[in-house]
Amino acid sequence: MGTEFEETLMSWEIGNLSKRNKHEISLDPFSSGGCEWFVRVCPEGYCSDGHLSLGLHVAKSRKSLRLGWKRRAIYSFGLMNQSGKKLFESSGN
């Protein structure tokens, strides 16, 4: 039996990111592959290292998932400026 993958394309617009005072921004959850996910944006970076950080997370708390739960996700993040020009694309699988 082969492995099936579900392709989901999501996009978000975060206005005035450089002017926000938040250390973390959690984007609206979405569903893909039978699982709820969300993206966490850290404008100042993970542990405030000064670089924009993006992370893909399971929307349920770890305590609510059964022991040994796993999900493989192949994903990438693209970063565009306000004109729609792609500045960066990163793979996170």
PDB file of N, CA and C in Angstrom:
ATOM      1  N   MET A   1       0.847  -1.178   0.000  1.00  0.00           N
ATOM      2  CA  MET A   1       0.000   0.000   0.000  1.00  0.00           C
ATOM      3  C   MET A   1       0.893   1.242   0.000  1.00  0.00           C
ATOM      4  N   GLY A   2       0.673   2.163  -0.921  1.00  0.00           N
ATOM      5  CA  GLY A   2       1.483   3.369  -1.033  1.00  0.00           C
ATOM      6  C   GLY A   2       1.047   4.455  -0.064  1.00  0.00           C
ATOM      7  N   THR A   3       1.939   5.395   0.109  1.00  0.00           N
ATOM      8  CA  THR A   3       1.643   6.531   0.975  1.00  0.00           C
ATOM      9  C   THR A   3       0.984   7.623   0.151  1.00  0.00           C
ATOM     10  N   GLU A   4      -0.122   8.142   0.635  1.00  0.00           N
ATOM     11  CA  GLU A   4      -0.812   9.224  -0.059  1.00  0.00           C
ATOM     12  C   GLU A   4      -0.537  10.542   0.647  1.00  0.00           C
ATOM     13  N   PHE A   5      -0.343  11.584  -0.139  1.00  0.00           N
ATOM     14  CA  PHE A   5      -0.115  12.911   0.410  1.00  0.00           C
ATOM     15  C   PHE A   5      -1.213  13.843  -0.068  1.00  0.00           C
ATOM     16  N   GLU A   6      -1.629  14.714   0.798  1.00  0.00           N
ATOM     17  CA  GLU A   6      -2.626  15.727   0.461  1.00  0.00           C
ATOM     18  C   GLU A   6      -1.899  17.062   0.340  1.00  0.00           C
ATOM     19  N   GLU A   7      -2.023  17.707  -0.802  1.00  0.00           N
ATOM     20  CA  GLU A   7      -1.387  19.006  -0.984  1.00  0.00           C
ATOM     21  C   GLU A   7      -2.357  20.105  -0.578  1.00  0.00           C
ATOM     22  N   THR A   8      -1.893  20.975   0.285  1.00  0.00           N
ATOM     23  CA  THR A   8      -2.686  22.106   0.755  1.00  0.00           C
ATOM     24  C   THR A   8      -1.841  23.360   0.611  1.00  0.00           C
ATOM     25  N   LEU A   9      -2.385  24.381  -0.009  1.00  0.00           N
ATOM     26  CA  LEU A   9      -1.683  25.650  -0.162  1.00  0.00           C
ATOM     27  C   LEU A   9      -2.406  26.692   0.675  1.00  0.00           C
ATOM     28  N   MET A  10      -1.673  27.326   1.556  1.00  0.00           N
ATOM     29  CA  MET A  10      -2.239  28.351   2.431  1.00  0.00           C
ATOM     30  C   MET A  10      -1.430  29.628   2.259  1.00  0.00           C
ATOM     31  N   SER A  11      -2.093  30.755   2.426  1.00  0.00           N
ATOM     32  CA  SER A  11      -1.345  32.015   2.433  1.00  0.00           C
ATOM     33  C   SER A  11      -1.981  32.954   3.444  1.00  0.00           C
ATOM     34  N   TRP A  12      -1.143  33.746   4.063  1.00  0.00           N
ATOM     35  CA  TRP A  12      -1.580  34.724   5.051  1.00  0.00           C
ATOM     36  C   TRP A  12      -0.902  36.044   4.759  1.00  0.00           C
ATOM     37  N   GLU A  13      -1.570  37.095   5.106  1.00  0.00           N
ATOM     38  CA  GLU A  13      -0.984  38.429   5.006  1.00  0.00           C
ATOM     39  C   GLU A  13      -0.888  38.983   6.420  1.00  0.00           C
ATOM     40  N   ILE A  14       0.310  39.394   6.788  1.00  0.00           N
ATOM     41  CA  ILE A  14       0.532  39.984   8.108  1.00  0.00           C
ATOM     42  C   ILE A  14       0.997  41.410   7.870  1.00  0.00           C
ATOM     43  N   GLY A  15       0.109  42.358   8.102  1.00  0.00           N
ATOM     44  CA  GLY A  15       0.441  43.762   7.871  1.00  0.00           C
ATOM     45  C   GLY A  15       1.355  44.334   8.943  1.00  0.00           C
ATOM     46  N   ASN A  16       2.247  45.212   8.539  1.00  0.00           N
ATOM     47  CA  ASN A  16       3.151  45.926   9.446  1.00  0.00           C
ATOM     48  C   ASN A  16       3.903  44.998  10.390  1.00  0.00           C
ATOM     49  N   LEU A  17       4.413  43.917   9.880  1.00  0.00           N
ATOM     50  CA  LEU A  17       5.113  42.941  10.714  1.00  0.00           C
ATOM     51  C   LEU A  17       6.277  43.578  11.470  1.00  0.00           C
ATOM     52  N   SER A  18       7.014  44.452  10.807  1.00  0.00           N
ATOM     53  CA  SER A  18       8.182  45.061  11.454  1.00  0.00           C
ATOM     54  C   SER A  18       7.801  46.020  12.575  1.00  0.00           C
ATOM     55  N   LYS A  19       6.546  46.464  12.603  1.00  0.00           N
ATOM     56  CA  LYS A  19       6.118  47.417  13.631  1.00  0.00           C
ATOM     57  C   LYS A  19       5.355  46.757  14.778  1.00  0.00           C
ATOM     58  N   ARG A  20       5.172  45.454  14.713  1.00  0.00           N
ATOM     59  CA  ARG A  20       4.440  44.753  15.780  1.00  0.00           C
ATOM     60  C   ARG A  20       5.345  44.562  16.992  1.00  0.00           C
ATOM     61  N   ASN A  21       4.746  44.656  18.165  1.00  0.00           N
ATOM     62  CA  ASN A  21       5.495  44.484  19.407  1.00  0.00           C
ATOM     63  C   ASN A  21       5.394  43.070  19.964  1.00  0.00           C
ATOM     64  N   LYS A  22       4.735  42.186  19.258  1.00  0.00           N
ATOM     65  CA  LYS A  22       4.558  40.821  19.749  1.00  0.00           C
ATOM     66  C   LYS A  22       5.796  39.981  19.461  1.00  0.00           C
ATOM     67  N   HIS A  23       6.126  39.104  20.412  1.00  0.00           N
ATOM     68  CA  HIS A  23       7.236  38.171  20.211  1.00  0.00           C
ATOM     69  C   HIS A  23       6.796  36.971  19.383  1.00  0.00           C
ATOM     70  N   GLU A  24       5.494  36.645  19.457  1.00  0.00           N
ATOM     71  CA  GLU A  24       4.940  35.522  18.707  1.00  0.00           C
ATOM     72  C   GLU A  24       3.583  35.885  18.138  1.00  0.00           C
ATOM     73  N   ILE A  25       3.329  35.412  16.933  1.00  0.00           N
ATOM     74  CA  ILE A  25       2.019  35.564  16.311  1.00  0.00           C
ATOM     75  C   ILE A  25       1.600  34.171  15.858  1.00  0.00           C
ATOM     76  N   SER A  26       0.467  33.685  16.357  1.00  0.00           N
ATOM     77  CA  SER A  26      -0.064  32.390  15.925  1.00  0.00           C
ATOM     78  C   SER A  26      -1.150  32.652  14.890  1.00  0.00           C
ATOM     79  N   LEU A  27      -0.962  32.102  13.696  1.00  0.00           N
ATOM     80  CA  LEU A  27      -1.913  32.306  12.610  1.00  0.00           C
ATOM     81  C   LEU A  27      -3.076  31.328  12.738  1.00  0.00           C
ATOM     82  N   ASP A  28      -4.176  31.635  12.066  1.00  0.00           N
ATOM     83  CA  ASP A  28      -5.381  30.808  12.151  1.00  0.00           C
ATOM     84  C   ASP A  28      -5.087  29.358  11.772  1.00  0.00           C
ATOM     85  N   PRO A  29      -5.646  28.407  12.523  1.00  0.00           N
ATOM     86  CA  PRO A  29      -5.438  26.994  12.210  1.00  0.00           C
ATOM     87  C   PRO A  29      -6.057  26.612  10.860  1.00  0.00           C
ATOM     88  N   PHE A  30      -5.499  25.562  10.265  1.00  0.00           N
ATOM     89  CA  PHE A  30      -6.025  25.017   9.017  1.00  0.00           C
ATOM     90  C   PHE A  30      -5.919  23.499   9.076  1.00  0.00           C
ATOM     91  N   SER A  31      -6.649  22.831   8.205  1.00  0.00           N
ATOM     92  CA  SER A  31      -6.669  21.374   8.190  1.00  0.00           C
ATOM     93  C   SER A  31      -5.972  20.852   6.941  1.00  0.00           C
ATOM     94  N   SER A  32      -5.139  19.835   7.130  1.00  0.00           N
ATOM     95  CA  SER A  32      -4.488  19.156   6.011  1.00  0.00           C
ATOM     96  C   SER A  32      -4.099  17.756   6.465  1.00  0.00           C
ATOM     97  N   GLY A  33      -4.339  16.771   5.626  1.00  0.00           N
ATOM     98  CA  GLY A  33      -3.970  15.398   5.955  1.00  0.00           C
ATOM     99  C   GLY A  33      -4.692  14.850   7.170  1.00  0.00           C
ATOM    100  N   GLY A  34      -5.899  15.338   7.416  1.00  0.00           N
ATOM    101  CA  GLY A  34      -6.668  14.862   8.556  1.00  0.00           C
ATOM    102  C   GLY A  34      -6.185  15.388   9.890  1.00  0.00           C
ATOM    103  N   CYS A  35      -5.426  16.464   9.866  1.00  0.00           N
ATOM    104  CA  CYS A  35      -4.851  17.022  11.088  1.00  0.00           C
ATOM    105  C   CYS A  35      -5.013  18.542  11.079  1.00  0.00           C
ATOM    106  N   GLU A  36      -5.183  19.122  12.247  1.00  0.00           N
ATOM    107  CA  GLU A  36      -5.249  20.580  12.371  1.00  0.00           C
ATOM    108  C   GLU A  36      -3.843  21.112  12.641  1.00  0.00           C
ATOM    109  N   TRP A  37      -3.458  22.157  11.919  1.00  0.00           N
ATOM    110  CA  TRP A  37      -2.130  22.762  12.028  1.00  0.00           C
ATOM    111  C   TRP A  37      -2.269  24.265  12.227  1.00  0.00           C
ATOM    112  N   PHE A  38      -1.193  24.895  12.689  1.00  0.00           N
ATOM    113  CA  PHE A  38      -1.115  26.349  12.674  1.00  0.00           C
ATOM    114  C   PHE A  38       0.342  26.751  12.492  1.00  0.00           C
ATOM    115  N   VAL A  39       0.540  27.966  12.024  1.00  0.00           N
ATOM    116  CA  VAL A  39       1.883  28.513  11.829  1.00  0.00           C
ATOM    117  C   VAL A  39       2.128  29.550  12.908  1.00  0.00           C
ATOM    118  N   ARG A  40       3.299  29.461  13.526  1.00  0.00           N
ATOM    119  CA  ARG A  40       3.713  30.448  14.518  1.00  0.00           C
ATOM    120  C   ARG A  40       4.824  31.296  13.895  1.00  0.00           C
ATOM    121  N   VAL A  41       4.639  32.607  13.965  1.00  0.00           N
ATOM    122  CA  VAL A  41       5.605  33.564  13.429  1.00  0.00           C
ATOM    123  C   VAL A  41       6.257  34.283  14.604  1.00  0.00           C
ATOM    124  N   CYS A  42       7.571  34.309  14.616  1.00  0.00           N
ATOM    125  CA  CYS A  42       8.325  35.045  15.632  1.00  0.00           C
ATOM    126  C   CYS A  42       9.103  36.141  14.900  1.00  0.00           C
ATOM    127  N   PRO A  43       8.579  37.388  14.896  1.00  0.00           N
ATOM    128  CA  PRO A  43       9.225  38.462  14.140  1.00  0.00           C
ATOM    129  C   PRO A  43      10.677  38.720  14.544  1.00  0.00           C
ATOM    130  N   GLU A  44      10.994  38.523  15.808  1.00  0.00           N
ATOM    131  CA  GLU A  44      12.369  38.729  16.278  1.00  0.00           C
ATOM    132  C   GLU A  44      13.152  37.425  16.353  1.00  0.00           C
ATOM    133  N   GLY A  45      12.553  36.348  15.889  1.00  0.00           N
ATOM    134  CA  GLY A  45      13.234  35.063  15.870  1.00  0.00           C
ATOM    135  C   GLY A  45      12.947  34.219  17.090  1.00  0.00           C
ATOM    136  N   TYR A  46      13.239  32.936  16.954  1.00  0.00           N
ATOM    137  CA  TYR A  46      13.108  32.002  18.065  1.00  0.00           C
ATOM    138  C   TYR A  46      14.173  32.355  19.092  1.00  0.00           C
ATOM    139  N   CYS A  47      13.793  32.513  20.312  1.00  0.00           N
ATOM    140  CA  CYS A  47      14.699  32.935  21.391  1.00  0.00           C
ATOM    141  C   CYS A  47      15.280  34.321  21.116  1.00  0.00           C
ATOM    142  N   SER A  48      14.543  35.153  20.394  1.00  0.00           N
ATOM    143  CA  SER A  48      14.933  36.541  20.100  1.00  0.00           C
ATOM    144  C   SER A  48      16.324  36.646  19.497  1.00  0.00           C
ATOM    145  N   ASP A  49      16.621  35.804  18.501  1.00  0.00           N
ATOM    146  CA  ASP A  49      17.941  35.846  17.868  1.00  0.00           C
ATOM    147  C   ASP A  49      18.049  36.888  16.760  1.00  0.00           C
ATOM    148  N   GLY A  50      16.973  37.667  16.528  1.00  0.00           N
ATOM    149  CA  GLY A  50      17.028  38.756  15.565  1.00  0.00           C
ATOM    150  C   GLY A  50      16.669  38.388  14.138  1.00  0.00           C
ATOM    151  N   HIS A  51      16.283  37.144  13.895  1.00  0.00           N
ATOM    152  CA  HIS A  51      15.904  36.694  12.557  1.00  0.00           C
ATOM    153  C   HIS A  51      14.469  36.195  12.589  1.00  0.00           C
ATOM    154  N   LEU A  52      13.694  36.512  11.564  1.00  0.00           N
ATOM    155  CA  LEU A  52      12.318  36.038  11.459  1.00  0.00           C
ATOM    156  C   LEU A  52      12.291  34.513  11.517  1.00  0.00           C
ATOM    157  N   SER A  53      11.422  33.959  12.355  1.00  0.00           N
ATOM    158  CA  SER A  53      11.270  32.507  12.466  1.00  0.00           C
ATOM    159  C   SER A  53       9.829  32.123  12.172  1.00  0.00           C
ATOM    160  N   LEU A  54       9.659  31.029  11.439  1.00  0.00           N
ATOM    161  CA  LEU A  54       8.342  30.467  11.138  1.00  0.00           C
ATOM    162  C   LEU A  54       8.356  29.007  11.561  1.00  0.00           C
ATOM    163  N   GLY A  55       7.267  28.551  12.154  1.00  0.00           N
ATOM    164  CA  GLY A  55       7.193  27.152  12.555  1.00  0.00           C
ATOM    165  C   GLY A  55       5.819  26.577  12.294  1.00  0.00           C
ATOM    166  N   LEU A  56       5.780  25.324  11.857  1.00  0.00           N
ATOM    167  CA  LEU A  56       4.533  24.606  11.633  1.00  0.00           C
ATOM    168  C   LEU A  56       4.269  23.746  12.860  1.00  0.00           C
ATOM    169  N   HIS A  57       3.068  23.861  13.437  1.00  0.00           N
ATOM    170  CA  HIS A  57       2.748  23.175  14.689  1.00  0.00           C
ATOM    171  C   HIS A  57       1.404  22.467  14.590  1.00  0.00           C
ATOM    172  N   VAL A  58       1.250  21.392  15.351  1.00  0.00           N
ATOM    173  CA  VAL A  58      -0.030  20.698  15.479  1.00  0.00           C
ATOM    174  C   VAL A  58      -0.916  21.543  16.379  1.00  0.00           C
ATOM    175  N   ALA A  59      -2.167  21.734  15.975  1.00  0.00           N
ATOM    176  CA  ALA A  59      -3.065  22.629  16.705  1.00  0.00           C
ATOM    177  C   ALA A  59      -3.528  22.060  18.045  1.00  0.00           C
ATOM    178  N   LYS A  60      -3.485  20.754  18.234  1.00  0.00           N
ATOM    179  CA  LYS A  60      -3.878  20.159  19.515  1.00  0.00           C
ATOM    180  C   LYS A  60      -2.685  20.159  20.465  1.00  0.00           C
ATOM    181  N   SER A  61      -2.977  20.208  21.746  1.00  0.00           N
ATOM    182  CA  SER A  61      -1.886  20.135  22.712  1.00  0.00           C
ATOM    183  C   SER A  61      -1.292  18.732  22.691  1.00  0.00           C
ATOM    184  N   ARG A  62      -0.031  18.639  23.010  1.00  0.00           N
ATOM    185  CA  ARG A  62       0.635  17.332  23.009  1.00  0.00           C
ATOM    186  C   ARG A  62      -0.023  16.362  23.987  1.00  0.00           C
ATOM    187  N   LYS A  63      -0.574  16.883  25.058  1.00  0.00           N
ATOM    188  CA  LYS A  63      -1.214  16.029  26.056  1.00  0.00           C
ATOM    189  C   LYS A  63      -2.462  15.352  25.499  1.00  0.00           C
ATOM    190  N   SER A  64      -3.119  15.960  24.503  1.00  0.00           N
ATOM    191  CA  SER A  64      -4.351  15.382  23.960  1.00  0.00           C
ATOM    192  C   SER A  64      -4.089  14.341  22.867  1.00  0.00           C
ATOM    193  N   LEU A  65      -2.838  14.202  22.431  1.00  0.00           N
ATOM    194  CA  LEU A  65      -2.500  13.224  21.397  1.00  0.00           C
ATOM    195  C   LEU A  65      -2.059  11.917  22.053  1.00  0.00           C
ATOM    196  N   ARG A  66      -2.395  10.792  21.439  1.00  0.00           N
ATOM    197  CA  ARG A  66      -2.027   9.514  22.036  1.00  0.00           C
ATOM    198  C   ARG A  66      -0.512   9.318  22.010  1.00  0.00           C
ATOM    199  N   LEU A  67      -0.010   8.558  22.940  1.00  0.00           N
ATOM    200  CA  LEU A  67       1.412   8.275  23.055  1.00  0.00           C
ATOM    201  C   LEU A  67       1.928   7.673  21.749  1.00  0.00           C
ATOM    202  N   GLY A  68       3.031   8.177  21.250  1.00  0.00           N
ATOM    203  CA  GLY A  68       3.616   7.677  20.017  1.00  0.00           C
ATOM    204  C   GLY A  68       3.025   8.269  18.749  1.00  0.00           C
ATOM    205  N   TRP A  69       2.110   9.249  18.892  1.00  0.00           N
ATOM    206  CA  TRP A  69       1.478   9.874  17.735  1.00  0.00           C
ATOM    207  C   TRP A  69       2.534  10.516  16.850  1.00  0.00           C
ATOM    208  N   LYS A  70       2.417  10.304  15.537  1.00  0.00           N
ATOM    209  CA  LYS A  70       3.343  10.919  14.578  1.00  0.00           C
ATOM    210  C   LYS A  70       2.573  11.332  13.341  1.00  0.00           C
ATOM    211  N   ARG A  71       3.073  12.344  12.667  1.00  0.00           N
ATOM    212  CA  ARG A  71       2.524  12.766  11.382  1.00  0.00           C
ATOM    213  C   ARG A  71       3.701  13.310  10.580  1.00  0.00           C
ATOM    214  N   ARG A  72       3.876  12.805   9.391  1.00  0.00           N
ATOM    215  CA  ARG A  72       4.933  13.323   8.527  1.00  0.00           C
ATOM    216  C   ARG A  72       4.338  14.421   7.661  1.00  0.00           C
ATOM    217  N   ALA A  73       5.022  15.550   7.608  1.00  0.00           N
ATOM    218  CA  ALA A  73       4.560  16.681   6.802  1.00  0.00           C
ATOM    219  C   ALA A  73       5.712  17.173   5.938  1.00  0.00           C
ATOM    220  N   ILE A  74       5.439  17.346   4.683  1.00  0.00           N
ATOM    221  CA  ILE A  74       6.406  17.947   3.764  1.00  0.00           C
ATOM    222  C   ILE A  74       5.865  19.335   3.466  1.00  0.00           C
ATOM    223  N   TYR A  75       6.627  20.354   3.801  1.00  0.00           N
ATOM    224  CA  TYR A  75       6.112  21.714   3.673  1.00  0.00           C
ATOM    225  C   TYR A  75       7.226  22.686   3.321  1.00  0.00           C
ATOM    226  N   SER A  76       6.841  23.844   2.875  1.00  0.00           N
ATOM    227  CA  SER A  76       7.799  24.926   2.638  1.00  0.00           C
ATOM    228  C   SER A  76       7.111  26.238   2.974  1.00  0.00           C
ATOM    229  N   PHE A  77       7.911  27.222   3.317  1.00  0.00           N
ATOM    230  CA  PHE A  77       7.424  28.565   3.587  1.00  0.00           C
ATOM    231  C   PHE A  77       7.996  29.502   2.536  1.00  0.00           C
ATOM    232  N   GLY A  78       7.153  30.376   2.026  1.00  0.00           N
ATOM    233  CA  GLY A  78       7.615  31.421   1.120  1.00  0.00           C
ATOM    234  C   GLY A  78       7.347  32.771   1.760  1.00  0.00           C
ATOM    235  N   LEU A  79       8.265  33.679   1.605  1.00  0.00           N
ATOM    236  CA  LEU A  79       8.126  35.019   2.176  1.00  0.00           C
ATOM    237  C   LEU A  79       8.097  36.019   1.028  1.00  0.00           C
ATOM    238  N   MET A  80       7.031  36.825   0.987  1.00  0.00           N
ATOM    239  CA  MET A  80       6.892  37.825  -0.070  1.00  0.00           C
ATOM    240  C   MET A  80       6.774  39.207   0.553  1.00  0.00           C
ATOM    241  N   ASN A  81       7.218  40.203  -0.198  1.00  0.00           N
ATOM    242  CA  ASN A  81       7.059  41.576   0.287  1.00  0.00           C
ATOM    243  C   ASN A  81       5.673  42.092  -0.081  1.00  0.00           C
ATOM    244  N   GLN A  82       5.398  43.343   0.262  1.00  0.00           N
ATOM    245  CA  GLN A  82       4.070  43.914   0.028  1.00  0.00           C
ATOM    246  C   GLN A  82       3.723  44.033  -1.458  1.00  0.00           C
ATOM    247  N   SER A  83       4.707  43.954  -2.342  1.00  0.00           N
ATOM    248  CA  SER A  83       4.453  44.008  -3.784  1.00  0.00           C
ATOM    249  C   SER A  83       4.203  42.630  -4.385  1.00  0.00           C
ATOM    250  N   GLY A  84       4.306  41.576  -3.569  1.00  0.00           N
ATOM    251  CA  GLY A  84       4.099  40.222  -4.057  1.00  0.00           C
ATOM    252  C   GLY A  84       5.352  39.560  -4.595  1.00  0.00           C
ATOM    253  N   LYS A  85       6.505  40.201  -4.447  1.00  0.00           N
ATOM    254  CA  LYS A  85       7.767  39.625  -4.904  1.00  0.00           C
ATOM    255  C   LYS A  85       8.266  38.619  -3.867  1.00  0.00           C
ATOM    256  N   LYS A  86       8.570  37.390  -4.335  1.00  0.00           N
ATOM    257  CA  LYS A  86       9.071  36.366  -3.421  1.00  0.00           C
ATOM    258  C   LYS A  86      10.498  36.714  -3.009  1.00  0.00           C
ATOM    259  N   LEU A  87      10.709  36.817  -1.703  1.00  0.00           N
ATOM    260  CA  LEU A  87      12.015  37.153  -1.166  1.00  0.00           C
ATOM    261  C   LEU A  87      12.797  35.919  -0.737  1.00  0.00           C
ATOM    262  N   PHE A  88      12.064  34.889  -0.309  1.00  0.00           N
ATOM    263  CA  PHE A  88      12.732  33.721   0.258  1.00  0.00           C
ATOM    264  C   PHE A  88      11.777  32.531   0.239  1.00  0.00           C
ATOM    265  N   GLU A  89      12.313  31.340   0.036  1.00  0.00           N
ATOM    266  CA  GLU A  89      11.517  30.120   0.180  1.00  0.00           C
ATOM    267  C   GLU A  89      12.351  29.103   0.937  1.00  0.00           C
ATOM    268  N   SER A  90      11.744  28.497   1.933  1.00  0.00           N
ATOM    269  CA  SER A  90      12.461  27.569   2.790  1.00  0.00           C
ATOM    270  C   SER A  90      11.700  26.264   2.896  1.00  0.00           C
ATOM    271  N   SER A  91      12.399  25.163   2.877  1.00  0.00           N
ATOM    272  CA  SER A  91      11.792  23.858   3.086  1.00  0.00           C
ATOM    273  C   SER A  91      11.927  23.506   4.556  1.00  0.00           C
ATOM    274  N   GLY A  92      10.900  22.911   5.119  1.00  0.00           N
ATOM    275  CA  GLY A  92      10.945  22.591   6.536  1.00  0.00           C
ATOM    276  C   GLY A  92      10.604  21.162   6.841  1.00  0.00           C
ATOM    277  N   ASN A  93      10.768  20.258   5.893  1.00  0.00           N
ATOM    278  CA  ASN A  93      10.390  18.875   6.167  1.00  0.00           C
ATOM    279  C   ASN A  93      11.519  18.218   6.862  1.00  0.00           C
TER     280      ASN A  93
END
